[in-house]
Amino acid sequence: MIHQLGMLLLEVTRWVASTVWASAKYFDTSYLVAAFIVFWWYRRQPRRKTSSSFAGLHDSTGTVLSILSDDLSYDSSLSDASEVNQPLNDPLWDVKVPSATPQERQRFYIGTKGDLRSAIHNLQQYLEWKTKHKTLEWEIRSSVTLTGNQDIDDWRIAVAVAAKSCGETVDVVQVPQMGTTHTMKNGEPMRDQEGNRIIHIIPGRMDDRLISLRTYALASALYMDRKMDPNSLECMTVLIDVRGGLGWRNPNGAQLLPFIQSTSSLLLSLFPERLAKCYVYPMPPSFEWVWKLVHRCLDPMTAEKIGVLTGPATIHSPPPIEAMEAYLDAEVIERLEAYRVSFFVNKK
C-alpha cells in the first residue's frame, strides 16, 4: 500500500510539474520541494529484491549523471557500535574496497540497512565515481582560474569537472555559485545549534544558459564531496533558501525539475548518512497542506530530518527569523541573509 502511495504521489508531482509549473511566471519552488521530498523518499523505500543495482541516468549525450541504488534505506538499530563493528571487520571489505576508510565502510553499511554485499557494491560504485572525476580534475585543473578562496575554488573546480564530464564548455568564472559552506567572522565554519556544519543552497542563482541544470547537479555533488572528510562520520545541515534574487536567472519549478531529480539521486547514492538536517525556507503558507500530505508518507527517520519553515517567499521578503532561531544562532541568520543579498545585481 505504501509503495502504491509513493508511486501515486510521484505521478501527481510530475503532473504538477507539466501543468502548473510550466505556466509559472515567477520563481516559486513550493511544489518543487514537495516533488524533491517525494522523489527522495520514494527512492529510499526497500524493494522486493535483496541485491543492489546501479543504473546510469543519462542525458541526450549519453553522459552518466547520477548513480541510483535500489536498496538504500536507513535502519536506526544499526547505529549501535557493537552491531556495526563485527560486519565491518569482514575480510571482504579489504578484498573489494581496500582503499575505503573505516568511516566510509560504516556509512555505506548503515545506509544499506546492514546488507554487507550491497554496502560493498555501493561503496565500490562511489569510489569509481570519485576516481573518474579526480582523473578529469587532473586534466583540467591548470585551466581553471582560482582565487585563493578555498570555497570559491572548490566550486569552480567542481563546475569545470562536471562540465568536462558532461561534454559542455563553460567559463567557470561566470557560473553562479548556488551552494556554499560559510565561515563566521572568527574564521570558524558556520554551524547550526547542534554543531553541524552548514551547506547553504540558493537555487535561484542557477543559470541554465551557462550550463545545463543536470550539470549543475553533478557539480553540486562534486562540490559536496570536496567538503566531506572520508575519515569522518560528520553530518551536515542543509539550508535551502527558495527565494529569488534581483538580477538572477530565477528558474521556475518546471525548469528546476531535472536538477532536483538528478541531485536527489546523486546525494542518495553517494553520501549515505551525511545528512543531519535539511531546512527549506521560506515556504508560503499555501504550501502547508502539501507538506502535511507528504510528511505523513515519510518514514520517521526521514521526517525527523526535514523541516519546512513557512513565511513570505518573494525576493524582498525577510527570512522567517523566528522559526529559524529554533535551530540557528542570530549571527548565523544575519550572515546567511547578508550573503544572499550581496549577489543582487540591483540593490535598490
C-alpha atoms as a PDB file:
ATOM      1  CA  MET A   1       0.000   0.000   0.000  1.00  0.00           C
ATOM      2  CA  ILE A   2       2.801   2.432   0.897  1.00  0.00           C
ATOM      3  CA  HIS A   3       4.637   1.531  -2.296  1.00  0.00           C
ATOM      4  CA  GLN A   4       1.492   2.299  -4.330  1.00  0.00           C
ATOM      5  CA  LEU A   5       1.030   5.590  -2.490  1.00  0.00           C
ATOM      6  CA  GLY A   6       4.591   6.556  -3.267  1.00  0.00           C
ATOM      7  CA  MET A   7       4.006   5.858  -6.959  1.00  0.00           C
ATOM      8  CA  LEU A   8       0.810   7.922  -6.860  1.00  0.00           C
ATOM      9  CA  LEU A   9       2.488  10.895  -5.200  1.00  0.00           C
ATOM     10  CA  LEU A  10       5.356  10.762  -7.649  1.00  0.00           C
ATOM     11  CA  GLU A  11       2.958  10.771 -10.595  1.00  0.00           C
ATOM     12  CA  VAL A  12       0.983  13.654  -9.066  1.00  0.00           C
ATOM     13  CA  THR A  13       4.100  15.775  -8.670  1.00  0.00           C
ATOM     14  CA  ARG A  14       5.102  15.016 -12.266  1.00  0.00           C
ATOM     15  CA  TRP A  15       1.661  16.140 -13.406  1.00  0.00           C
ATOM     16  CA  VAL A  16       2.002  19.347 -11.389  1.00  0.00           C
ATOM     17  CA  ALA A  17       5.387  19.962 -12.985  1.00  0.00           C
ATOM     18  CA  SER A  18       3.994  19.568 -16.502  1.00  0.00           C
ATOM     19  CA  THR A  19       0.887  21.705 -15.941  1.00  0.00           C
ATOM     20  CA  VAL A  20       1.198  24.231 -13.127  1.00  0.00           C
ATOM     21  CA  TRP A  21       4.943  24.862 -13.105  1.00  0.00           C
ATOM     22  CA  ALA A  22       5.199  25.209 -16.859  1.00  0.00           C
ATOM     23  CA  SER A  23       2.977  28.283 -16.703  1.00  0.00           C
ATOM     24  CA  ALA A  24       4.667  29.829 -13.669  1.00  0.00           C
ATOM     25  CA  LYS A  25       5.839  33.359 -14.407  1.00  0.00           C
ATOM     26  CA  TYR A  26       7.808  33.935 -11.223  1.00  0.00           C
ATOM     27  CA  PHE A  27      10.239  31.831  -9.265  1.00  0.00           C
ATOM     28  CA  ASP A  28       8.234  29.578  -6.949  1.00  0.00           C
ATOM     29  CA  THR A  29       9.630  26.319  -5.573  1.00  0.00           C
ATOM     30  CA  SER A  30       6.864  25.352  -3.162  1.00  0.00           C
ATOM     31  CA  TYR A  31       5.607  22.372  -5.131  1.00  0.00           C
ATOM     32  CA  LEU A  32       9.092  21.712  -6.413  1.00  0.00           C
ATOM     33  CA  VAL A  33      10.265  20.984  -2.882  1.00  0.00           C
ATOM     34  CA  ALA A  34       7.315  18.619  -2.474  1.00  0.00           C
ATOM     35  CA  ALA A  35       8.481  16.781  -5.581  1.00  0.00           C
ATOM     36  CA  PHE A  36      12.037  16.616  -4.254  1.00  0.00           C
ATOM     37  CA  ILE A  37      10.898  15.159  -0.925  1.00  0.00           C
ATOM     38  CA  VAL A  38       8.561  12.625  -2.527  1.00  0.00           C
ATOM     39  CA  PHE A  39      11.174  11.568  -5.099  1.00  0.00           C
ATOM     40  CA  TRP A  40      13.856  11.246  -2.439  1.00  0.00           C
ATOM     41  CA  TRP A  41      11.526   9.313  -0.108  1.00  0.00           C
ATOM     42  CA  TYR A  42      10.322   7.008  -2.881  1.00  0.00           C
ATOM     43  CA  ARG A  43      13.897   6.101  -3.855  1.00  0.00           C
ATOM     44  CA  ARG A  44      14.618   5.098  -0.252  1.00  0.00           C
ATOM     45  CA  GLN A  45      11.826   2.551   0.023  1.00  0.00           C
ATOM     46  CA  PRO A  46      13.128  -1.070   0.130  1.00  0.00           C
ATOM     47  CA  ARG A  47      12.438  -3.155  -2.953  1.00  0.00           C
ATOM     48  CA  ARG A  48      11.426  -6.809  -3.033  1.00  0.00           C
ATOM     49  CA  LYS A  49      14.777  -7.941  -4.340  1.00  0.00           C
ATOM     50  CA  THR A  50      17.705  -8.026  -1.956  1.00  0.00           C
ATOM     51  CA  SER A  51      20.584  -7.243  -4.252  1.00  0.00           C
ATOM     52  CA  SER A  52      21.594  -3.703  -5.023  1.00  0.00           C
ATOM     53  CA  SER A  53      21.981  -2.418  -8.547  1.00  0.00           C
ATOM     54  CA  PHE A  54      23.160   0.853 -10.006  1.00  0.00           C
ATOM     55  CA  ALA A  55      21.928   2.327 -13.238  1.00  0.00           C
ATOM     56  CA  GLY A  56      23.251   5.366 -15.062  1.00  0.00           C
ATOM     57  CA  LEU A  57      20.955   8.332 -15.518  1.00  0.00           C
ATOM     58  CA  HIS A  58      21.865   9.709 -18.925  1.00  0.00           C
ATOM     59  CA  ASP A  59      21.229  12.901 -20.786  1.00  0.00           C
ATOM     60  CA  SER A  60      20.937  13.156 -24.564  1.00  0.00           C
ATOM     61  CA  THR A  61      24.725  12.841 -24.932  1.00  0.00           C
ATOM     62  CA  GLY A  62      24.796   9.577 -23.006  1.00  0.00           C
ATOM     63  CA  THR A  63      26.785  11.054 -20.119  1.00  0.00           C
ATOM     64  CA  VAL A  64      26.275   9.326 -16.809  1.00  0.00           C
ATOM     65  CA  LEU A  65      24.933  11.993 -14.471  1.00  0.00           C
ATOM     66  CA  SER A  66      23.971  10.043 -11.383  1.00  0.00           C
ATOM     67  CA  ILE A  67      24.148   6.675  -9.712  1.00  0.00           C
ATOM     68  CA  LEU A  68      20.973   5.147  -8.373  1.00  0.00           C
ATOM     69  CA  SER A  69      20.793   2.463  -5.701  1.00  0.00           C
ATOM     70  CA  ASP A  70      17.689   0.319  -5.270  1.00  0.00           C
ATOM     71  CA  ASP A  71      18.190  -0.637  -1.655  1.00  0.00           C
ATOM     72  CA  LEU A  72      19.405   2.345   0.353  1.00  0.00           C
ATOM     73  CA  SER A  73      17.242   2.612   3.452  1.00  0.00           C
ATOM     74  CA  TYR A  74      18.148   3.629   6.966  1.00  0.00           C
ATOM     75  CA  ASP A  75      17.814   1.278   9.932  1.00  0.00           C
ATOM     76  CA  SER A  76      18.307   3.095  13.235  1.00  0.00           C
ATOM     77  CA  SER A  77      19.004  -0.209  15.004  1.00  0.00           C
ATOM     78  CA  LEU A  78      22.355  -0.340  13.220  1.00  0.00           C
ATOM     79  CA  SER A  79      23.583   2.830  14.903  1.00  0.00           C
ATOM     80  CA  ASP A  80      24.790   0.775  17.867  1.00  0.00           C
ATOM     81  CA  ALA A  81      28.549   0.350  17.504  1.00  0.00           C
ATOM     82  CA  SER A  82      28.540  -3.231  18.768  1.00  0.00           C
ATOM     83  CA  GLU A  83      26.200  -4.271  15.952  1.00  0.00           C
ATOM     84  CA  VAL A  84      28.154  -2.406  13.275  1.00  0.00           C
ATOM     85  CA  ASN A  85      31.745  -3.310  14.141  1.00  0.00           C
ATOM     86  CA  GLN A  86      31.511  -7.047  13.536  1.00  0.00           C
ATOM     87  CA  PRO A  87      30.421  -6.825   9.856  1.00  0.00           C
ATOM     88  CA  LEU A  88      32.951  -4.033   9.309  1.00  0.00           C
ATOM     89  CA  ASN A  89      35.714  -6.491  10.178  1.00  0.00           C
ATOM     90  CA  ASP A  90      34.660  -8.854   7.404  1.00  0.00           C
ATOM     91  CA  PRO A  91      37.685  -9.540   5.126  1.00  0.00           C
ATOM     92  CA  LEU A  92      35.511  -8.943   2.060  1.00  0.00           C
ATOM     93  CA  TRP A  93      35.923  -5.179   2.611  1.00  0.00           C
ATOM     94  CA  ASP A  94      39.686  -5.414   2.157  1.00  0.00           C
ATOM     95  CA  VAL A  95      39.274  -7.558  -0.939  1.00  0.00           C
ATOM     96  CA  LYS A  96      36.683  -5.393  -2.703  1.00  0.00           C
ATOM     97  CA  VAL A  97      37.339  -1.857  -1.408  1.00  0.00           C
ATOM     98  CA  PRO A  98      40.828  -1.847   0.128  1.00  0.00           C
ATOM     99  CA  SER A  99      41.207   1.931  -0.222  1.00  0.00           C
ATOM    100  CA  ALA A 100      37.964   2.765   1.617  1.00  0.00           C
ATOM    101  CA  THR A 101      38.294   4.274   5.078  1.00  0.00           C
ATOM    102  CA  PRO A 102      36.627   2.639   8.106  1.00  0.00           C
ATOM    103  CA  GLN A 103      34.232   5.580   8.273  1.00  0.00           C
ATOM    104  CA  GLU A 104      33.197   5.152   4.636  1.00  0.00           C
ATOM    105  CA  ARG A 105      32.578   1.465   5.208  1.00  0.00           C
ATOM    106  CA  GLN A 106      30.440   2.216   8.249  1.00  0.00           C
ATOM    107  CA  ARG A 107      28.327   4.848   6.490  1.00  0.00           C
ATOM    108  CA  PHE A 108      27.585   2.659   3.484  1.00  0.00           C
ATOM    109  CA  TYR A 109      26.877  -0.364   5.690  1.00  0.00           C
ATOM    110  CA  ILE A 110      24.326   1.550   7.766  1.00  0.00           C
ATOM    111  CA  GLY A 111      22.937   3.156   4.628  1.00  0.00           C
ATOM    112  CA  THR A 112      22.088  -0.252   3.157  1.00  0.00           C
ATOM    113  CA  LYS A 113      20.313  -1.468   6.284  1.00  0.00           C
ATOM    114  CA  GLY A 114      23.051  -3.889   7.156  1.00  0.00           C
ATOM    115  CA  ASP A 115      23.315  -5.610   3.769  1.00  0.00           C
ATOM    116  CA  LEU A 116      27.055  -6.259   3.617  1.00  0.00           C
ATOM    117  CA  ARG A 117      27.305  -7.125  -0.085  1.00  0.00           C
ATOM    118  CA  SER A 118      25.089  -4.221  -1.137  1.00  0.00           C
ATOM    119  CA  ALA A 119      27.131  -1.852   1.013  1.00  0.00           C
ATOM    120  CA  ILE A 120      30.374  -3.020  -0.587  1.00  0.00           C
ATOM    121  CA  HIS A 121      28.874  -2.800  -4.063  1.00  0.00           C
ATOM    122  CA  ASN A 122      27.575   0.735  -3.468  1.00  0.00           C
ATOM    123  CA  LEU A 123      30.877   1.822  -1.970  1.00  0.00           C
ATOM    124  CA  GLN A 124      32.718   0.408  -4.986  1.00  0.00           C
ATOM    125  CA  GLN A 125      30.485   2.476  -7.276  1.00  0.00           C
ATOM    126  CA  TYR A 126      31.153   5.607  -5.228  1.00  0.00           C
ATOM    127  CA  LEU A 127      34.924   5.106  -5.254  1.00  0.00           C
ATOM    128  CA  GLU A 128      34.866   4.505  -9.021  1.00  0.00           C
ATOM    129  CA  TRP A 129      32.788   7.683  -9.454  1.00  0.00           C
ATOM    130  CA  LYS A 130      35.273   9.604  -7.350  1.00  0.00           C
ATOM    131  CA  THR A 131      38.316   8.227  -9.196  1.00  0.00           C
ATOM    132  CA  LYS A 132      36.783   9.002 -12.588  1.00  0.00           C
ATOM    133  CA  HIS A 133      36.180  12.634 -11.712  1.00  0.00           C
ATOM    134  CA  LYS A 134      39.501  13.033  -9.933  1.00  0.00           C
ATOM    135  CA  THR A 135      41.171  11.992 -13.207  1.00  0.00           C
ATOM    136  CA  LEU A 136      39.166  14.644 -15.049  1.00  0.00           C
ATOM    137  CA  GLU A 137      40.222  17.201 -12.444  1.00  0.00           C
ATOM    138  CA  TRP A 138      43.882  16.486 -13.134  1.00  0.00           C
ATOM    139  CA  GLU A 139      43.233  17.101 -16.828  1.00  0.00           C
ATOM    140  CA  ILE A 140      41.508  20.480 -16.455  1.00  0.00           C
ATOM    141  CA  ARG A 141      42.830  21.947 -13.208  1.00  0.00           C
ATOM    142  CA  SER A 142      45.545  24.068 -14.841  1.00  0.00           C
ATOM    143  CA  SER A 143      42.918  25.798 -16.981  1.00  0.00           C
ATOM    144  CA  VAL A 144      40.692  26.805 -14.047  1.00  0.00           C
ATOM    145  CA  THR A 145      41.053  30.359 -12.761  1.00  0.00           C
ATOM    146  CA  LEU A 146      41.448  30.145  -8.985  1.00  0.00           C
ATOM    147  CA  THR A 147      41.025  32.904  -6.405  1.00  0.00           C
ATOM    148  CA  GLY A 148      42.758  31.664  -3.263  1.00  0.00           C
ATOM    149  CA  ASN A 149      39.383  31.445  -1.549  1.00  0.00           C
ATOM    150  CA  GLN A 150      39.001  27.737  -0.801  1.00  0.00           C
ATOM    151  CA  ASP A 151      35.222  27.650  -1.026  1.00  0.00           C
ATOM    152  CA  ILE A 152      35.022  29.542  -4.329  1.00  0.00           C
ATOM    153  CA  ASP A 153      37.854  27.463  -5.777  1.00  0.00           C
ATOM    154  CA  ASP A 154      36.166  24.221  -4.711  1.00  0.00           C
ATOM    155  CA  TRP A 155      33.043  25.324  -6.594  1.00  0.00           C
ATOM    156  CA  ARG A 156      34.931  26.357  -9.724  1.00  0.00           C
ATOM    157  CA  ILE A 157      36.823  23.072  -9.883  1.00  0.00           C
ATOM    158  CA  ALA A 158      33.578  21.152  -9.342  1.00  0.00           C
ATOM    159  CA  VAL A 159      31.887  23.051 -12.190  1.00  0.00           C
ATOM    160  CA  ALA A 160      34.841  22.553 -14.534  1.00  0.00           C
ATOM    161  CA  VAL A 161      34.960  18.804 -13.843  1.00  0.00           C
ATOM    162  CA  ALA A 162      31.184  18.434 -14.197  1.00  0.00           C
ATOM    163  CA  ALA A 163      31.173  20.306 -17.489  1.00  0.00           C
ATOM    164  CA  LYS A 164      34.037  18.185 -18.796  1.00  0.00           C
ATOM    165  CA  SER A 165      32.244  15.004 -17.732  1.00  0.00           C
ATOM    166  CA  CYS A 166      29.007  16.102 -19.411  1.00  0.00           C
ATOM    167  CA  GLY A 167      30.662  17.306 -22.604  1.00  0.00           C
ATOM    168  CA  GLU A 168      29.943  21.008 -22.058  1.00  0.00           C
ATOM    169  CA  THR A 169      32.203  24.025 -22.471  1.00  0.00           C
ATOM    170  CA  VAL A 170      31.936  26.773 -19.875  1.00  0.00           C
ATOM    171  CA  ASP A 171      33.747  29.722 -18.331  1.00  0.00           C
ATOM    172  CA  VAL A 172      33.612  28.687 -14.662  1.00  0.00           C
ATOM    173  CA  VAL A 173      34.095  32.279 -13.518  1.00  0.00           C
ATOM    174  CA  GLN A 174      30.675  33.140 -14.957  1.00  0.00           C
ATOM    175  CA  VAL A 175      28.759  30.265 -13.327  1.00  0.00           C
ATOM    176  CA  PRO A 176      26.973  31.483 -10.156  1.00  0.00           C
ATOM    177  CA  GLN A 177      27.765  29.502  -7.029  1.00  0.00           C
ATOM    178  CA  MET A 178      24.425  28.185  -5.777  1.00  0.00           C
ATOM    179  CA  GLY A 179      25.788  26.277  -2.783  1.00  0.00           C
ATOM    180  CA  THR A 180      28.366  27.268  -0.210  1.00  0.00           C
ATOM    181  CA  THR A 181      29.790  26.464   3.218  1.00  0.00           C
ATOM    182  CA  HIS A 182      30.108  29.704   5.162  1.00  0.00           C
ATOM    183  CA  THR A 183      32.592  30.799   7.783  1.00  0.00           C
ATOM    184  CA  MET A 184      31.975  33.105  10.717  1.00  0.00           C
ATOM    185  CA  LYS A 185      33.886  36.300  11.494  1.00  0.00           C
ATOM    186  CA  ASN A 186      36.378  34.341  13.583  1.00  0.00           C
ATOM    187  CA  GLY A 187      37.135  32.069  10.618  1.00  0.00           C
ATOM    188  CA  GLU A 188      35.363  29.048  12.078  1.00  0.00           C
ATOM    189  CA  PRO A 189      32.891  27.070   9.926  1.00  0.00           C
ATOM    190  CA  MET A 190      29.260  28.153  10.194  1.00  0.00           C
ATOM    191  CA  ARG A 191      27.271  25.636  12.258  1.00  0.00           C
ATOM    192  CA  ASP A 192      23.749  25.088  13.483  1.00  0.00           C
ATOM    193  CA  GLN A 193      22.892  24.964  17.179  1.00  0.00           C
ATOM    194  CA  GLU A 194      23.665  21.230  17.269  1.00  0.00           C
ATOM    195  CA  GLY A 195      27.198  21.844  15.999  1.00  0.00           C
ATOM    196  CA  ASN A 196      26.705  20.569  12.446  1.00  0.00           C
ATOM    197  CA  ARG A 197      28.407  22.406   9.601  1.00  0.00           C
ATOM    198  CA  ILE A 198      26.006  24.186   7.248  1.00  0.00           C
ATOM    199  CA  ILE A 199      25.687  23.977   3.479  1.00  0.00           C
ATOM    200  CA  HIS A 200      23.640  26.911   2.178  1.00  0.00           C
ATOM    201  CA  ILE A 201      21.840  26.353  -1.141  1.00  0.00           C
ATOM    202  CA  ILE A 202      20.141  29.096  -3.194  1.00  0.00           C
ATOM    203  CA  PRO A 203      18.521  27.517  -6.297  1.00  0.00           C
ATOM    204  CA  GLY A 204      17.523  30.926  -7.701  1.00  0.00           C
ATOM    205  CA  ARG A 205      21.151  31.677  -8.566  1.00  0.00           C
ATOM    206  CA  MET A 206      21.431  28.812 -11.053  1.00  0.00           C
ATOM    207  CA  ASP A 207      21.656  29.897 -14.677  1.00  0.00           C
ATOM    208  CA  ASP A 208      20.795  27.223 -17.239  1.00  0.00           C
ATOM    209  CA  ARG A 209      22.029  29.454 -20.049  1.00  0.00           C
ATOM    210  CA  LEU A 210      25.602  28.756 -18.928  1.00  0.00           C
ATOM    211  CA  ILE A 211      25.464  25.050 -18.081  1.00  0.00           C
ATOM    212  CA  SER A 212      22.605  22.577 -18.018  1.00  0.00           C
ATOM    213  CA  LEU A 213      20.822  22.039 -14.722  1.00  0.00           C
ATOM    214  CA  ARG A 214      21.881  18.377 -14.816  1.00  0.00           C
ATOM    215  CA  THR A 215      25.482  19.561 -14.974  1.00  0.00           C
ATOM    216  CA  TYR A 216      24.690  21.813 -12.011  1.00  0.00           C
ATOM    217  CA  ALA A 217      23.536  18.669 -10.169  1.00  0.00           C
ATOM    218  CA  LEU A 218      26.812  16.866 -10.852  1.00  0.00           C
ATOM    219  CA  ALA A 219      28.799  19.986  -9.900  1.00  0.00           C
ATOM    220  CA  SER A 220      26.871  20.186  -6.631  1.00  0.00           C
ATOM    221  CA  ALA A 221      27.712  16.568  -5.807  1.00  0.00           C
ATOM    222  CA  LEU A 222      31.390  17.090  -6.658  1.00  0.00           C
ATOM    223  CA  TYR A 223      31.468  20.257  -4.562  1.00  0.00           C
ATOM    224  CA  MET A 224      29.947  18.450  -1.570  1.00  0.00           C
ATOM    225  CA  ASP A 225      32.386  15.579  -1.982  1.00  0.00           C
ATOM    226  CA  ARG A 226      35.253  18.066  -1.714  1.00  0.00           C
ATOM    227  CA  LYS A 227      33.758  19.297   1.563  1.00  0.00           C
ATOM    228  CA  MET A 228      33.433  15.845   3.146  1.00  0.00           C
ATOM    229  CA  ASP A 229      36.297  14.219   5.049  1.00  0.00           C
ATOM    230  CA  PRO A 230      36.356  10.487   4.162  1.00  0.00           C
ATOM    231  CA  ASN A 231      37.917   9.841   7.575  1.00  0.00           C
ATOM    232  CA  SER A 232      34.968  11.360   9.398  1.00  0.00           C
ATOM    233  CA  LEU A 233      31.349  10.428  10.150  1.00  0.00           C
ATOM    234  CA  GLU A 234      30.413  14.108  10.128  1.00  0.00           C
ATOM    235  CA  CYS A 235      26.869  15.010   9.138  1.00  0.00           C
ATOM    236  CA  MET A 236      25.913  18.309   7.519  1.00  0.00           C
ATOM    237  CA  THR A 237      22.861  20.539   7.850  1.00  0.00           C
ATOM    238  CA  VAL A 238      21.479  21.710   4.502  1.00  0.00           C
ATOM    239  CA  LEU A 239      19.644  25.049   4.291  1.00  0.00           C
ATOM    240  CA  ILE A 240      17.646  25.648   1.098  1.00  0.00           C
ATOM    241  CA  ASP A 241      16.552  29.266   0.567  1.00  0.00           C
ATOM    242  CA  VAL A 242      13.822  29.217  -2.087  1.00  0.00           C
ATOM    243  CA  ARG A 243      13.591  32.987  -2.603  1.00  0.00           C
ATOM    244  CA  GLY A 244      14.665  34.527  -5.864  1.00  0.00           C
ATOM    245  CA  GLY A 245      17.027  37.474  -6.215  1.00  0.00           C
ATOM    246  CA  LEU A 246      17.349  40.706  -8.147  1.00  0.00           C
ATOM    247  CA  GLY A 247      19.147  40.173 -11.445  1.00  0.00           C
ATOM    248  CA  TRP A 248      19.279  36.391 -11.050  1.00  0.00           C
ATOM    249  CA  ARG A 249      18.091  33.802 -13.545  1.00  0.00           C
ATOM    250  CA  ASN A 250      15.426  32.651 -11.026  1.00  0.00           C
ATOM    251  CA  PRO A 251      14.422  29.431 -12.827  1.00  0.00           C
ATOM    252  CA  ASN A 252      10.876  28.280 -12.184  1.00  0.00           C
ATOM    253  CA  GLY A 253       9.770  24.894 -10.924  1.00  0.00           C
ATOM    254  CA  ALA A 254       9.433  23.270 -14.329  1.00  0.00           C
ATOM    255  CA  GLN A 255      12.961  24.346 -15.273  1.00  0.00           C
ATOM    256  CA  LEU A 256      14.398  23.054 -11.990  1.00  0.00           C
ATOM    257  CA  LEU A 257      12.831  19.594 -12.092  1.00  0.00           C
ATOM    258  CA  PRO A 258      15.800  17.868 -13.861  1.00  0.00           C
ATOM    259  CA  PHE A 259      18.145  19.392 -11.268  1.00  0.00           C
ATOM    260  CA  ILE A 260      16.011  18.141  -8.382  1.00  0.00           C
ATOM    261  CA  GLN A 261      15.764  14.618  -9.780  1.00  0.00           C
ATOM    262  CA  SER A 262      19.465  14.332 -10.609  1.00  0.00           C
ATOM    263  CA  THR A 263      20.616  15.899  -7.333  1.00  0.00           C
ATOM    264  CA  SER A 264      18.408  13.730  -5.139  1.00  0.00           C
ATOM    265  CA  SER A 265      19.654  10.589  -6.921  1.00  0.00           C
ATOM    266  CA  LEU A 266      23.295  11.604  -6.632  1.00  0.00           C
ATOM    267  CA  LEU A 267      23.160  12.609  -2.973  1.00  0.00           C
ATOM    268  CA  LEU A 268      21.244   9.485  -2.000  1.00  0.00           C
ATOM    269  CA  SER A 269      23.717   7.181  -3.726  1.00  0.00           C
ATOM    270  CA  LEU A 270      26.977   8.941  -2.970  1.00  0.00           C
ATOM    271  CA  PHE A 271      26.557  10.332   0.532  1.00  0.00           C
ATOM    272  CA  PRO A 272      24.647   7.929   2.795  1.00  0.00           C
ATOM    273  CA  GLU A 273      24.432   9.031   6.435  1.00  0.00           C
ATOM    274  CA  ARG A 274      25.767  12.527   5.740  1.00  0.00           C
ATOM    275  CA  LEU A 275      22.545  14.491   6.269  1.00  0.00           C
ATOM    276  CA  ALA A 276      21.897  15.777   9.786  1.00  0.00           C
ATOM    277  CA  LYS A 277      19.002  18.121   8.996  1.00  0.00           C
ATOM    278  CA  CYS A 278      17.504  19.856   5.969  1.00  0.00           C
ATOM    279  CA  TYR A 279      15.548  23.085   6.394  1.00  0.00           C
ATOM    280  CA  VAL A 280      13.665  24.612   3.476  1.00  0.00           C
ATOM    281  CA  TYR A 281      12.622  28.259   3.814  1.00  0.00           C
ATOM    282  CA  PRO A 282      10.624  30.400   3.473  1.00  0.00           C
ATOM    283  CA  MET A 283       7.739  28.310   2.172  1.00  0.00           C
ATOM    284  CA  PRO A 284       4.444  30.136   1.528  1.00  0.00           C
ATOM    285  CA  PRO A 285       1.617  29.213   3.916  1.00  0.00           C
ATOM    286  CA  SER A 286      -0.282  27.831   0.910  1.00  0.00           C
ATOM    287  CA  PHE A 287       2.311  25.054   0.752  1.00  0.00           C
ATOM    288  CA  GLU A 288       1.454  23.814   4.236  1.00  0.00           C
ATOM    289  CA  TRP A 289      -1.263  21.391   3.093  1.00  0.00           C
ATOM    290  CA  VAL A 290       1.128  19.841   0.561  1.00  0.00           C
ATOM    291  CA  TRP A 291       3.790  19.400   3.204  1.00  0.00           C
ATOM    292  CA  LYS A 292       1.346  17.780   5.627  1.00  0.00           C
ATOM    293  CA  LEU A 293       0.361  15.287   2.926  1.00  0.00           C
ATOM    294  CA  VAL A 294       3.967  14.440   2.116  1.00  0.00           C
ATOM    295  CA  HIS A 295       5.032  14.380   5.770  1.00  0.00           C
ATOM    296  CA  ARG A 296       2.547  11.616   6.592  1.00  0.00           C
ATOM    297  CA  CYS A 297       4.118   9.394   3.941  1.00  0.00           C
ATOM    298  CA  LEU A 298       7.716   9.780   5.101  1.00  0.00           C
ATOM    299  CA  ASP A 299       9.395   7.204   7.274  1.00  0.00           C
ATOM    300  CA  PRO A 300      10.072   8.595  10.787  1.00  0.00           C
ATOM    301  CA  MET A 301      13.833   8.909  10.288  1.00  0.00           C
ATOM    302  CA  THR A 302      13.376  10.942   7.118  1.00  0.00           C
ATOM    303  CA  ALA A 303      10.571  13.102   8.526  1.00  0.00           C
ATOM    304  CA  GLU A 304      12.708  13.950  11.534  1.00  0.00           C
ATOM    305  CA  LYS A 305      15.489  15.303   9.318  1.00  0.00           C
ATOM    306  CA  ILE A 306      13.410  17.606   7.103  1.00  0.00           C
ATOM    307  CA  GLY A 307      11.937  20.883   8.293  1.00  0.00           C
ATOM    308  CA  VAL A 308       9.823  23.359   6.352  1.00  0.00           C
ATOM    309  CA  LEU A 309       9.809  26.939   7.673  1.00  0.00           C
ATOM    310  CA  THR A 310       6.891  28.997   6.382  1.00  0.00           C
ATOM    311  CA  GLY A 311       6.758  32.685   5.542  1.00  0.00           C
ATOM    312  CA  PRO A 312       6.507  35.119   2.612  1.00  0.00           C
ATOM    313  CA  ALA A 313       8.771  33.996  -0.222  1.00  0.00           C
ATOM    314  CA  THR A 314       9.134  36.994  -2.523  1.00  0.00           C
ATOM    315  CA  ILE A 315      12.504  38.427  -3.488  1.00  0.00           C
ATOM    316  CA  HIS A 316      12.287  41.175  -0.862  1.00  0.00           C
ATOM    317  CA  SER A 317      10.728  39.044   1.881  1.00  0.00           C
ATOM    318  CA  PRO A 318      12.808  38.699   5.065  1.00  0.00           C
ATOM    319  CA  PRO A 319      13.793  35.225   6.224  1.00  0.00           C
ATOM    320  CA  PRO A 320      11.469  33.537   8.767  1.00  0.00           C
ATOM    321  CA  ILE A 321      13.699  34.645  11.634  1.00  0.00           C
ATOM    322  CA  GLU A 322      11.505  33.451  14.481  1.00  0.00           C
ATOM    323  CA  ALA A 323      11.291  29.922  13.085  1.00  0.00           C
ATOM    324  CA  MET A 324      14.989  29.839  12.185  1.00  0.00           C
ATOM    325  CA  GLU A 325      16.076  30.886  15.685  1.00  0.00           C
ATOM    326  CA  ALA A 326      14.958  27.474  16.966  1.00  0.00           C
ATOM    327  CA  TYR A 327      17.851  25.918  15.007  1.00  0.00           C
ATOM    328  CA  LEU A 328      20.316  28.712  14.209  1.00  0.00           C
ATOM    329  CA  ASP A 329      22.001  31.488  16.186  1.00  0.00           C
ATOM    330  CA  ALA A 330      21.065  35.081  15.356  1.00  0.00           C
ATOM    331  CA  GLU A 331      24.532  35.821  13.932  1.00  0.00           C
ATOM    332  CA  VAL A 332      24.248  32.836  11.580  1.00  0.00           C
ATOM    333  CA  ILE A 333      20.846  34.002  10.296  1.00  0.00           C
ATOM    334  CA  GLU A 334      22.203  37.507   9.755  1.00  0.00           C
ATOM    335  CA  ARG A 335      25.217  36.287   7.793  1.00  0.00           C
ATOM    336  CA  LEU A 336      23.103  33.968   5.641  1.00  0.00           C
ATOM    337  CA  GLU A 337      20.851  36.844   4.611  1.00  0.00           C
ATOM    338  CA  ALA A 338      23.753  39.244   4.038  1.00  0.00           C
ATOM    339  CA  TYR A 339      25.369  36.657   1.746  1.00  0.00           C
ATOM    340  CA  ARG A 340      22.177  36.242  -0.291  1.00  0.00           C
ATOM    341  CA  VAL A 341      21.598  39.973  -0.714  1.00  0.00           C
ATOM    342  CA  SER A 342      25.250  40.584  -1.627  1.00  0.00           C
ATOM    343  CA  PHE A 343      24.622  38.913  -5.002  1.00  0.00           C
ATOM    344  CA  PHE A 344      21.697  41.139  -6.007  1.00  0.00           C
ATOM    345  CA  VAL A 345      22.547  42.907  -9.238  1.00  0.00           C
ATOM    346  CA  ASN A 346      20.345  45.902  -8.441  1.00  0.00           C
ATOM    347  CA  LYS A 347      20.030  46.524  -4.705  1.00  0.00           C
ATOM    348  CA  LYS A 348      17.606  49.456  -4.908  1.00  0.00           C
END
